[in-house]
Amino acid sequence: MQGVLIADDNQDTCKIMADLFSGAGYDVTVTNSAATVLLEVLKKTAQVVLIGKDFDEVAATELIPLLKKCNRELSIIFVSSDASLSLVRKLRNDGIFYHALLPDEPSEQEELKKAVECALETHRSQSLH
């Protein structure tokens, strides 16, 4: 099964995303713990991580490079509506797959769903090579 890990402190956002992806048939894990994120990435149970700007008192800028070192094939989608352009550029250099806005509207939920589908397809392609 395809694993999606949602890492954010905002419970409302997590619920929206968890409902969206579990309804689409993905194996979804939700956490606000940086330790859990690292464990799931090391165990390779998650192919895609949806990560917020800050959670568990750890900034995404600190955690994303570490996650990419743990699993180079991991697709990370940064989910934030208030990130500066310079932050997004830095995270792209660190290896994020995509930057998405918080999914408040149904059209934004569809964008996030398509981004995860694309990330999983990329992961499958990498695994075959």
Protein backbone atom coordinates (compact mmCIF):
# COMPACT_ATOMS: atom_id res chain seq x y z
CA MET A 1 0.00 0.00 0.00
CA GLN A 2 1.16 3.52 -0.69
CA GLY A 3 2.07 5.41 2.46
CA VAL A 4 1.38 9.08 3.07
CA LEU A 5 2.72 10.70 6.22
CA ILE A 6 1.17 13.99 7.38
CA ALA A 7 3.32 15.99 9.80
CA ASP A 8 1.82 19.18 11.18
CA ASP A 9 0.73 20.75 14.47
CA ASN A 10 -2.57 22.04 13.05
CA GLN A 11 -5.12 19.32 13.84
CA ASP A 12 -7.76 20.80 11.52
CA THR A 13 -5.39 20.75 8.56
CA CYS A 14 -4.27 17.23 9.42
CA LYS A 15 -7.86 16.00 9.56
CA ILE A 16 -8.71 17.53 6.18
CA MET A 17 -5.65 15.97 4.56
CA ALA A 18 -6.05 12.61 6.34
CA ASP A 19 -9.69 12.35 5.22
CA LEU A 20 -8.72 13.30 1.67
CA PHE A 21 -5.98 10.68 1.34
CA SER A 22 -7.53 7.85 3.32
CA GLY A 23 -10.66 8.26 1.19
CA ALA A 24 -8.44 7.91 -1.89
CA GLY A 25 -7.13 4.56 -0.62
CA TYR A 26 -3.75 5.57 0.78
CA ASP A 27 -2.28 4.28 4.03
CA VAL A 28 -2.22 7.54 6.03
CA THR A 29 -0.26 8.30 9.18
CA VAL A 30 -0.73 11.62 10.99
CA THR A 31 1.75 12.93 13.53
CA ASN A 32 2.98 16.07 15.19
CA SER A 33 6.17 14.37 16.36
CA ALA A 34 9.49 14.84 14.59
CA ALA A 35 10.68 11.52 16.07
CA THR A 36 7.75 9.68 14.47
CA VAL A 37 8.48 11.31 11.12
CA LEU A 38 12.10 10.17 11.27
CA LEU A 39 11.10 6.64 12.29
CA GLU A 40 8.55 6.32 9.47
CA VAL A 41 11.05 7.62 6.92
CA LEU A 42 13.78 5.28 8.14
CA LYS A 43 11.39 2.30 8.03
CA LYS A 44 10.37 3.45 4.53
CA THR A 45 6.68 3.04 5.33
CA ALA A 46 5.93 6.45 3.86
CA GLN A 47 6.71 7.30 0.26
CA VAL A 48 5.30 10.83 0.55
CA VAL A 49 5.54 13.23 3.48
CA LEU A 50 3.25 16.24 3.73
CA ILE A 51 4.99 18.58 6.13
CA GLY A 52 3.96 21.89 7.64
CA LYS A 53 6.19 24.87 8.28
CA ASP A 54 6.75 24.11 11.97
CA PHE A 55 5.75 21.23 14.20
CA ASP A 56 7.02 19.66 17.40
CA GLU A 57 9.16 22.78 17.87
CA VAL A 58 11.18 21.83 14.77
CA ALA A 59 11.24 23.98 11.66
CA ALA A 60 10.78 22.30 8.31
CA THR A 61 14.05 23.91 7.22
CA GLU A 62 15.84 21.79 9.83
CA LEU A 63 14.00 18.53 9.24
CA ILE A 64 13.71 18.34 5.44
CA PRO A 65 17.46 18.02 4.71
CA LEU A 66 17.68 15.29 7.36
CA LEU A 67 14.72 13.41 5.88
CA LYS A 68 16.28 13.54 2.41
CA LYS A 69 19.54 12.14 3.82
CA CYS A 70 17.60 9.27 5.41
CA ASN A 71 15.75 8.43 2.20
CA ARG A 72 16.78 10.10 -1.05
CA GLU A 73 13.73 8.70 -2.88
CA LEU A 74 11.30 10.28 -0.41
CA SER A 75 8.91 12.83 -1.88
CA ILE A 76 8.30 15.75 0.47
CA ILE A 77 5.42 18.13 -0.10
CA PHE A 78 5.70 21.32 1.92
CA VAL A 79 2.22 22.55 2.91
CA SER A 80 2.03 26.18 3.98
CA SER A 81 0.10 29.29 3.02
CA ASP A 82 2.38 31.77 4.73
CA ALA A 83 5.85 30.71 3.60
CA SER A 84 8.07 33.37 2.11
CA LEU A 85 9.45 32.98 -1.38
CA SER A 86 13.00 32.77 0.00
CA LEU A 87 11.96 29.91 2.32
CA VAL A 88 10.31 28.00 -0.53
CA ARG A 89 13.42 28.47 -2.68
CA LYS A 90 15.61 27.12 0.13
CA LEU A 91 13.36 24.11 0.60
CA ARG A 92 13.39 23.42 -3.14
CA ASN A 93 17.17 23.39 -3.00
CA ASP A 94 16.91 21.00 -0.04
CA GLY A 95 14.85 18.63 -2.16
CA ILE A 96 11.14 19.17 -1.63
CA PHE A 97 8.96 17.73 -4.36
CA TYR A 98 6.27 20.43 -4.26
CA HIS A 99 4.98 23.42 -2.30
CA ALA A 100 1.22 23.43 -1.75
CA LEU A 101 -1.12 25.86 -0.06
CA LEU A 102 -3.19 24.72 2.89
CA PRO A 103 -6.22 22.92 1.44
CA ASP A 104 -9.11 25.15 2.52
CA GLU A 105 -11.09 25.05 -0.73
CA PRO A 106 -12.10 21.91 -2.66
CA SER A 107 -9.99 23.09 -5.62
CA GLU A 108 -6.95 23.31 -3.33
CA GLN A 109 -7.68 19.81 -2.04
CA GLU A 110 -7.68 18.56 -5.62
CA GLU A 111 -4.33 20.26 -6.27
CA LEU A 112 -2.82 18.57 -3.21
CA LYS A 113 -4.29 15.21 -4.22
CA LYS A 114 -2.77 15.52 -7.71
CA ALA A 115 0.60 16.48 -6.20
CA VAL A 116 0.58 13.34 -4.03
CA GLU A 117 -0.43 11.18 -7.00
CA CYS A 118 2.43 12.64 -9.03
CA ALA A 119 4.87 12.13 -6.16
CA LEU A 120 3.85 8.50 -5.80
CA GLU A 121 4.18 7.95 -9.55
CA THR A 122 7.67 9.46 -9.40
CA HIS A 123 8.51 7.16 -6.47
CA ARG A 124 7.29 4.11 -8.42
CA SER A 125 9.39 5.13 -11.42
CA GLN A 126 12.48 5.56 -9.26
CA SER A 127 11.93 2.17 -7.64
CA LEU A 128 11.79 0.45 -11.03
CA HIS A 129 15.16 1.87 -12.08
